């Protein structure tokens, strides 16, 4: 199954405590249907020091995964929050496109 959200997409968070914020997708966790978005959904993680791996220890803040259903892709052409559809171009290439303006999201 191909997901409609990919790495480096700009997304808008629709629900949760970070509702209304936008950010870039850092990772897509396919098996869990979740994404990690830059500077969104921070958690505090308590880490133990490990001198062998040069880890200092303490409280570390990092991004936690968000469900894909809680984000919307921002179209680079029209700038709006949109749903994503798959289209097949004249040359037979399958691309993601914006439902609002029919612009192509995959730039290759």
N, C-alpha and C. Protein backbone atom coordinates (compact mmCIF):
# COMPACT_ATOMS: atom_id res chain seq x y z
N UNK A 1 0.84 -1.19 0.00
CA UNK A 1 0.00 0.00 0.00
C UNK A 1 0.88 1.24 0.00
N UNK A 2 0.61 2.17 -0.89
CA UNK A 2 1.39 3.39 -0.91
C UNK A 2 0.66 4.46 -0.11
N UNK A 3 1.41 5.11 0.77
CA UNK A 3 0.83 6.12 1.63
C UNK A 3 0.74 7.46 0.91
N UNK A 4 -0.16 8.30 1.36
CA UNK A 4 -0.37 9.59 0.72
C UNK A 4 0.50 10.69 1.30
N UNK A 5 1.23 10.39 2.38
CA UNK A 5 2.15 11.34 2.99
C UNK A 5 3.55 10.78 2.86
N UNK A 6 4.50 11.60 2.40
CA UNK A 6 5.87 11.15 2.22
C UNK A 6 6.83 12.04 2.99
N UNK A 7 8.05 11.58 3.11
CA UNK A 7 9.10 12.34 3.77
C UNK A 7 9.32 13.66 3.03
N UNK A 8 9.59 14.73 3.78
CA UNK A 8 9.82 16.10 3.28
C UNK A 8 8.55 16.80 2.82
N UNK A 9 7.37 16.20 2.99
CA UNK A 9 6.12 16.91 2.72
C UNK A 9 5.89 17.94 3.83
N UNK A 10 5.28 19.06 3.49
CA UNK A 10 4.85 20.02 4.50
C UNK A 10 3.41 19.66 4.86
N UNK A 11 3.16 19.49 6.18
CA UNK A 11 1.85 19.06 6.63
C UNK A 11 1.30 20.03 7.67
N UNK A 12 -0.03 19.99 7.82
CA UNK A 12 -0.77 20.80 8.78
C UNK A 12 -1.39 19.84 9.78
N UNK A 13 -1.23 20.11 11.08
CA UNK A 13 -1.77 19.24 12.12
C UNK A 13 -3.22 19.64 12.38
N UNK A 14 -4.15 18.67 12.27
CA UNK A 14 -5.58 18.98 12.39
C UNK A 14 -6.14 18.76 13.78
N UNK A 15 -5.54 17.88 14.59
CA UNK A 15 -6.06 17.60 15.92
C UNK A 15 -4.93 17.49 16.93
N UNK A 16 -5.29 17.54 18.20
CA UNK A 16 -4.31 17.38 19.26
C UNK A 16 -3.85 18.72 19.81
N UNK A 17 -2.88 18.67 20.70
CA UNK A 17 -2.43 19.90 21.35
C UNK A 17 -1.64 20.80 20.41
N UNK A 18 -1.15 20.27 19.30
CA UNK A 18 -0.41 21.06 18.32
C UNK A 18 -1.27 21.42 17.12
N UNK A 19 -2.59 21.42 17.29
CA UNK A 19 -3.51 21.72 16.20
C UNK A 19 -3.22 23.11 15.63
N UNK A 20 -3.18 23.21 14.31
CA UNK A 20 -2.96 24.48 13.65
C UNK A 20 -1.52 24.74 13.27
N UNK A 21 -0.59 23.91 13.71
CA UNK A 21 0.83 24.11 13.39
C UNK A 21 1.18 23.37 12.10
N UNK A 22 2.21 23.85 11.44
CA UNK A 22 2.70 23.20 10.24
C UNK A 22 4.15 22.79 10.44
N UNK A 23 4.56 21.76 9.73
CA UNK A 23 5.93 21.30 9.83
C UNK A 23 6.26 20.34 8.70
N UNK A 24 7.54 19.99 8.63
CA UNK A 24 8.03 19.10 7.59
C UNK A 24 8.10 17.67 8.14
N UNK A 25 7.71 16.70 7.35
CA UNK A 25 7.73 15.30 7.76
C UNK A 25 9.18 14.82 7.76
N UNK A 26 9.63 14.32 8.92
CA UNK A 26 10.99 13.80 9.04
C UNK A 26 11.06 12.31 8.72
N UNK A 27 10.05 11.56 9.19
CA UNK A 27 10.00 10.11 8.97
C UNK A 27 8.57 9.65 8.83
N UNK A 28 8.36 8.60 8.06
CA UNK A 28 7.05 7.96 7.93
C UNK A 28 7.20 6.54 8.45
N UNK A 29 6.40 6.19 9.46
CA UNK A 29 6.41 4.84 10.03
C UNK A 29 5.26 4.07 9.37
N UNK A 30 5.59 3.32 8.31
CA UNK A 30 4.55 2.71 7.46
C UNK A 30 3.72 1.67 8.19
N UNK A 31 4.36 0.79 8.94
CA UNK A 31 3.63 -0.29 9.60
C UNK A 31 2.65 0.21 10.64
N UNK A 32 2.94 1.37 11.24
CA UNK A 32 2.08 1.92 12.29
C UNK A 32 1.16 3.02 11.77
N UNK A 33 1.29 3.43 10.51
CA UNK A 33 0.54 4.55 9.92
C UNK A 33 0.72 5.83 10.73
N UNK A 34 1.98 6.15 11.02
CA UNK A 34 2.30 7.35 11.80
C UNK A 34 3.41 8.11 11.11
N UNK A 35 3.51 9.40 11.44
CA UNK A 35 4.57 10.26 10.91
C UNK A 35 5.23 11.02 12.05
N UNK A 36 6.49 11.37 11.85
CA UNK A 36 7.20 12.22 12.79
C UNK A 36 7.40 13.56 12.08
N UNK A 37 6.86 14.62 12.68
CA UNK A 37 6.88 15.96 12.06
C UNK A 37 7.84 16.83 12.85
N UNK A 38 8.62 17.62 12.11
CA UNK A 38 9.64 18.49 12.71
C UNK A 38 9.02 19.52 13.64
N UNK A 39 9.49 19.57 14.89
CA UNK A 39 9.09 20.54 15.91
C UNK A 39 7.61 20.45 16.30
N UNK A 40 7.01 19.27 16.15
CA UNK A 40 5.61 19.05 16.52
C UNK A 40 5.55 17.83 17.44
N UNK A 41 4.66 17.86 18.44
CA UNK A 41 4.40 16.74 19.34
C UNK A 41 5.65 16.35 20.14
N UNK A 42 6.25 17.33 20.84
CA UNK A 42 7.43 17.06 21.65
C UNK A 42 7.08 16.27 22.90
N UNK A 43 7.95 15.32 23.26
CA UNK A 43 7.82 14.59 24.51
C UNK A 43 9.15 14.71 25.25
N UNK A 44 9.09 14.51 26.57
CA UNK A 44 10.31 14.50 27.37
C UNK A 44 10.68 13.07 27.65
N UNK A 45 11.91 12.72 27.36
CA UNK A 45 12.40 11.35 27.52
C UNK A 45 13.54 11.37 28.54
N UNK A 46 13.43 10.56 29.58
CA UNK A 46 14.47 10.47 30.59
C UNK A 46 15.49 9.44 30.13
N UNK A 47 16.75 9.86 29.97
CA UNK A 47 17.78 8.95 29.47
C UNK A 47 18.84 8.75 30.54
N UNK A 48 19.38 7.58 30.56
CA UNK A 48 20.43 7.22 31.50
C UNK A 48 21.79 7.48 30.84
N UNK A 49 22.75 7.98 31.59
CA UNK A 49 24.07 8.23 30.98
C UNK A 49 24.76 6.93 30.57
N UNK A 50 25.45 6.97 29.43
CA UNK A 50 26.19 5.82 28.92
C UNK A 50 27.52 6.33 28.38
N UNK A 51 28.59 6.23 29.17
CA UNK A 51 29.88 6.77 28.73
C UNK A 51 30.45 6.06 27.50
N UNK A 52 30.12 4.79 27.30
CA UNK A 52 30.64 4.06 26.14
C UNK A 52 30.12 4.63 24.83
N UNK A 53 28.85 5.03 24.83
CA UNK A 53 28.25 5.60 23.62
C UNK A 53 28.28 7.12 23.63
N UNK A 54 28.93 7.70 24.64
CA UNK A 54 29.07 9.16 24.77
C UNK A 54 27.70 9.84 24.91
N UNK A 55 26.78 9.21 25.67
CA UNK A 55 25.46 9.79 25.94
C UNK A 55 25.50 10.38 27.34
N UNK A 56 25.12 11.64 27.45
CA UNK A 56 25.27 12.35 28.71
C UNK A 56 24.19 11.99 29.73
N UNK A 57 22.98 11.80 29.32
CA UNK A 57 21.89 11.49 30.24
C UNK A 57 21.15 12.73 30.68
N UNK A 58 19.98 12.53 31.23
CA UNK A 58 19.14 13.65 31.66
C UNK A 58 17.81 13.60 30.95
N UNK A 59 17.15 14.75 30.89
CA UNK A 59 15.85 14.84 30.23
C UNK A 59 16.05 15.40 28.83
N UNK A 60 15.63 14.62 27.83
CA UNK A 60 15.81 14.99 26.43
C UNK A 60 14.43 15.20 25.82
N UNK A 61 14.26 16.29 25.08
CA UNK A 61 13.01 16.52 24.35
C UNK A 61 13.19 16.08 22.91
N UNK A 62 12.19 15.35 22.39
CA UNK A 62 12.24 14.92 21.00
C UNK A 62 10.82 14.78 20.46
N UNK A 63 10.71 14.63 19.14
CA UNK A 63 9.41 14.51 18.50
C UNK A 63 8.88 13.09 18.65
N UNK A 64 7.59 12.99 18.92
CA UNK A 64 6.92 11.70 19.00
C UNK A 64 6.06 11.51 17.74
N UNK A 65 5.75 10.27 17.38
CA UNK A 65 4.93 10.03 16.18
C UNK A 65 3.50 10.53 16.34
N UNK A 66 2.94 10.98 15.22
CA UNK A 66 1.54 11.40 15.11
C UNK A 66 0.83 10.45 14.15
N UNK A 67 -0.43 10.15 14.37
CA UNK A 67 -1.17 9.36 13.37
C UNK A 67 -1.30 10.12 12.05
N UNK A 68 -1.19 9.41 10.95
CA UNK A 68 -1.30 10.04 9.63
C UNK A 68 -2.66 10.70 9.45
N UNK A 69 -3.69 10.15 10.10
CA UNK A 69 -5.03 10.71 9.97
C UNK A 69 -5.14 12.10 10.60
N UNK A 70 -4.19 12.49 11.44
CA UNK A 70 -4.25 13.79 12.11
C UNK A 70 -3.48 14.88 11.38
N UNK A 71 -2.97 14.59 10.18
CA UNK A 71 -2.25 15.61 9.41
C UNK A 71 -2.85 15.71 8.01
N UNK A 72 -2.73 16.92 7.42
CA UNK A 72 -3.16 17.15 6.04
C UNK A 72 -1.97 17.71 5.27
N UNK A 73 -1.79 17.27 4.05
CA UNK A 73 -0.69 17.74 3.21
C UNK A 73 -1.00 19.16 2.73
N UNK A 74 0.02 20.02 2.71
CA UNK A 74 -0.13 21.37 2.17
C UNK A 74 0.39 21.35 0.74
N UNK A 75 -0.46 21.76 -0.18
CA UNK A 75 -0.11 21.76 -1.61
C UNK A 75 0.89 22.88 -1.89
N UNK A 76 2.01 22.59 -2.56
CA UNK A 76 2.97 23.66 -2.88
C UNK A 76 2.46 24.63 -3.94
N UNK A 77 1.50 24.21 -4.77
CA UNK A 77 0.99 25.09 -5.83
C UNK A 77 -0.04 26.08 -5.31
N UNK A 78 -1.11 25.57 -4.67
CA UNK A 78 -2.18 26.47 -4.22
C UNK A 78 -1.99 26.91 -2.77
N UNK A 79 -1.12 26.23 -2.02
CA UNK A 79 -0.84 26.64 -0.65
C UNK A 79 -1.90 26.24 0.36
N UNK A 80 -2.88 25.46 -0.05
CA UNK A 80 -3.97 25.07 0.84
C UNK A 80 -3.78 23.68 1.42
N UNK A 81 -4.51 23.43 2.51
CA UNK A 81 -4.53 22.09 3.09
C UNK A 81 -5.44 21.24 2.22
N UNK A 82 -4.97 20.10 1.81
CA UNK A 82 -5.71 19.33 0.82
C UNK A 82 -5.66 17.84 1.09
N UNK A 83 -6.59 17.14 0.47
CA UNK A 83 -6.52 15.70 0.40
C UNK A 83 -5.66 15.33 -0.80
N UNK A 84 -5.18 14.12 -0.80
CA UNK A 84 -4.26 13.67 -1.85
C UNK A 84 -4.94 12.58 -2.65
N UNK A 85 -4.81 12.66 -3.97
CA UNK A 85 -5.31 11.59 -4.83
C UNK A 85 -4.18 11.11 -5.71
N UNK A 86 -4.31 9.90 -6.20
CA UNK A 86 -3.32 9.35 -7.12
C UNK A 86 -3.86 9.47 -8.53
N UNK A 87 -3.00 9.96 -9.45
CA UNK A 87 -3.37 10.06 -10.86
C UNK A 87 -2.29 9.40 -11.70
N UNK A 88 -2.67 8.98 -12.88
CA UNK A 88 -1.71 8.43 -13.83
C UNK A 88 -1.60 9.43 -14.97
N UNK A 89 -0.40 9.91 -15.20
CA UNK A 89 -0.15 10.90 -16.24
C UNK A 89 -0.17 10.25 -17.62
N UNK A 90 -0.05 11.09 -18.67
CA UNK A 90 -0.09 10.59 -20.05
C UNK A 90 1.05 9.63 -20.33
N UNK A 91 2.20 9.85 -19.68
CA UNK A 91 3.35 8.98 -19.93
C UNK A 91 3.31 7.70 -19.08
N UNK A 92 2.22 7.49 -18.32
CA UNK A 92 2.05 6.28 -17.53
C UNK A 92 2.61 6.36 -16.13
N UNK A 93 3.10 7.51 -15.74
CA UNK A 93 3.67 7.68 -14.40
C UNK A 93 2.57 7.93 -13.37
N UNK A 94 2.64 7.23 -12.23
CA UNK A 94 1.66 7.40 -11.16
C UNK A 94 2.19 8.46 -10.20
N UNK A 95 1.40 9.54 -9.99
CA UNK A 95 1.83 10.64 -9.14
C UNK A 95 0.74 10.99 -8.14
N UNK A 96 1.14 11.66 -7.05
CA UNK A 96 0.19 12.20 -6.09
C UNK A 96 -0.20 13.59 -6.55
N UNK A 97 -1.48 13.94 -6.41
CA UNK A 97 -1.91 15.27 -6.84
C UNK A 97 -2.89 15.84 -5.82
N UNK A 98 -3.04 17.16 -5.87
CA UNK A 98 -3.91 17.91 -4.97
C UNK A 98 -5.35 17.77 -5.45
N UNK A 99 -6.27 17.52 -4.52
CA UNK A 99 -7.69 17.41 -4.88
C UNK A 99 -8.29 18.75 -5.25
N UNK A 100 -7.74 19.86 -4.71
CA UNK A 100 -8.32 21.18 -4.95
C UNK A 100 -7.91 21.74 -6.31
N UNK A 101 -6.58 21.84 -6.54
CA UNK A 101 -6.10 22.51 -7.75
C UNK A 101 -5.57 21.54 -8.81
N UNK A 102 -5.60 20.24 -8.53
CA UNK A 102 -5.10 19.21 -9.43
C UNK A 102 -3.60 19.33 -9.71
N UNK A 103 -2.88 20.08 -8.86
CA UNK A 103 -1.42 20.21 -9.02
C UNK A 103 -0.72 18.95 -8.57
N UNK A 104 0.43 18.68 -9.19
CA UNK A 104 1.20 17.48 -8.89
C UNK A 104 2.06 17.73 -7.66
N UNK A 105 1.98 16.83 -6.66
CA UNK A 105 2.76 16.97 -5.43
C UNK A 105 4.15 16.36 -5.55
N UNK A 106 4.32 15.36 -6.40
CA UNK A 106 5.61 14.70 -6.57
C UNK A 106 6.44 15.45 -7.60
N UNK A 107 7.51 16.03 -7.14
CA UNK A 107 8.42 16.77 -8.06
C UNK A 107 9.63 15.88 -8.33
N UNK A 108 9.71 15.32 -9.54
CA UNK A 108 10.85 14.45 -9.85
C UNK A 108 11.46 14.82 -11.17
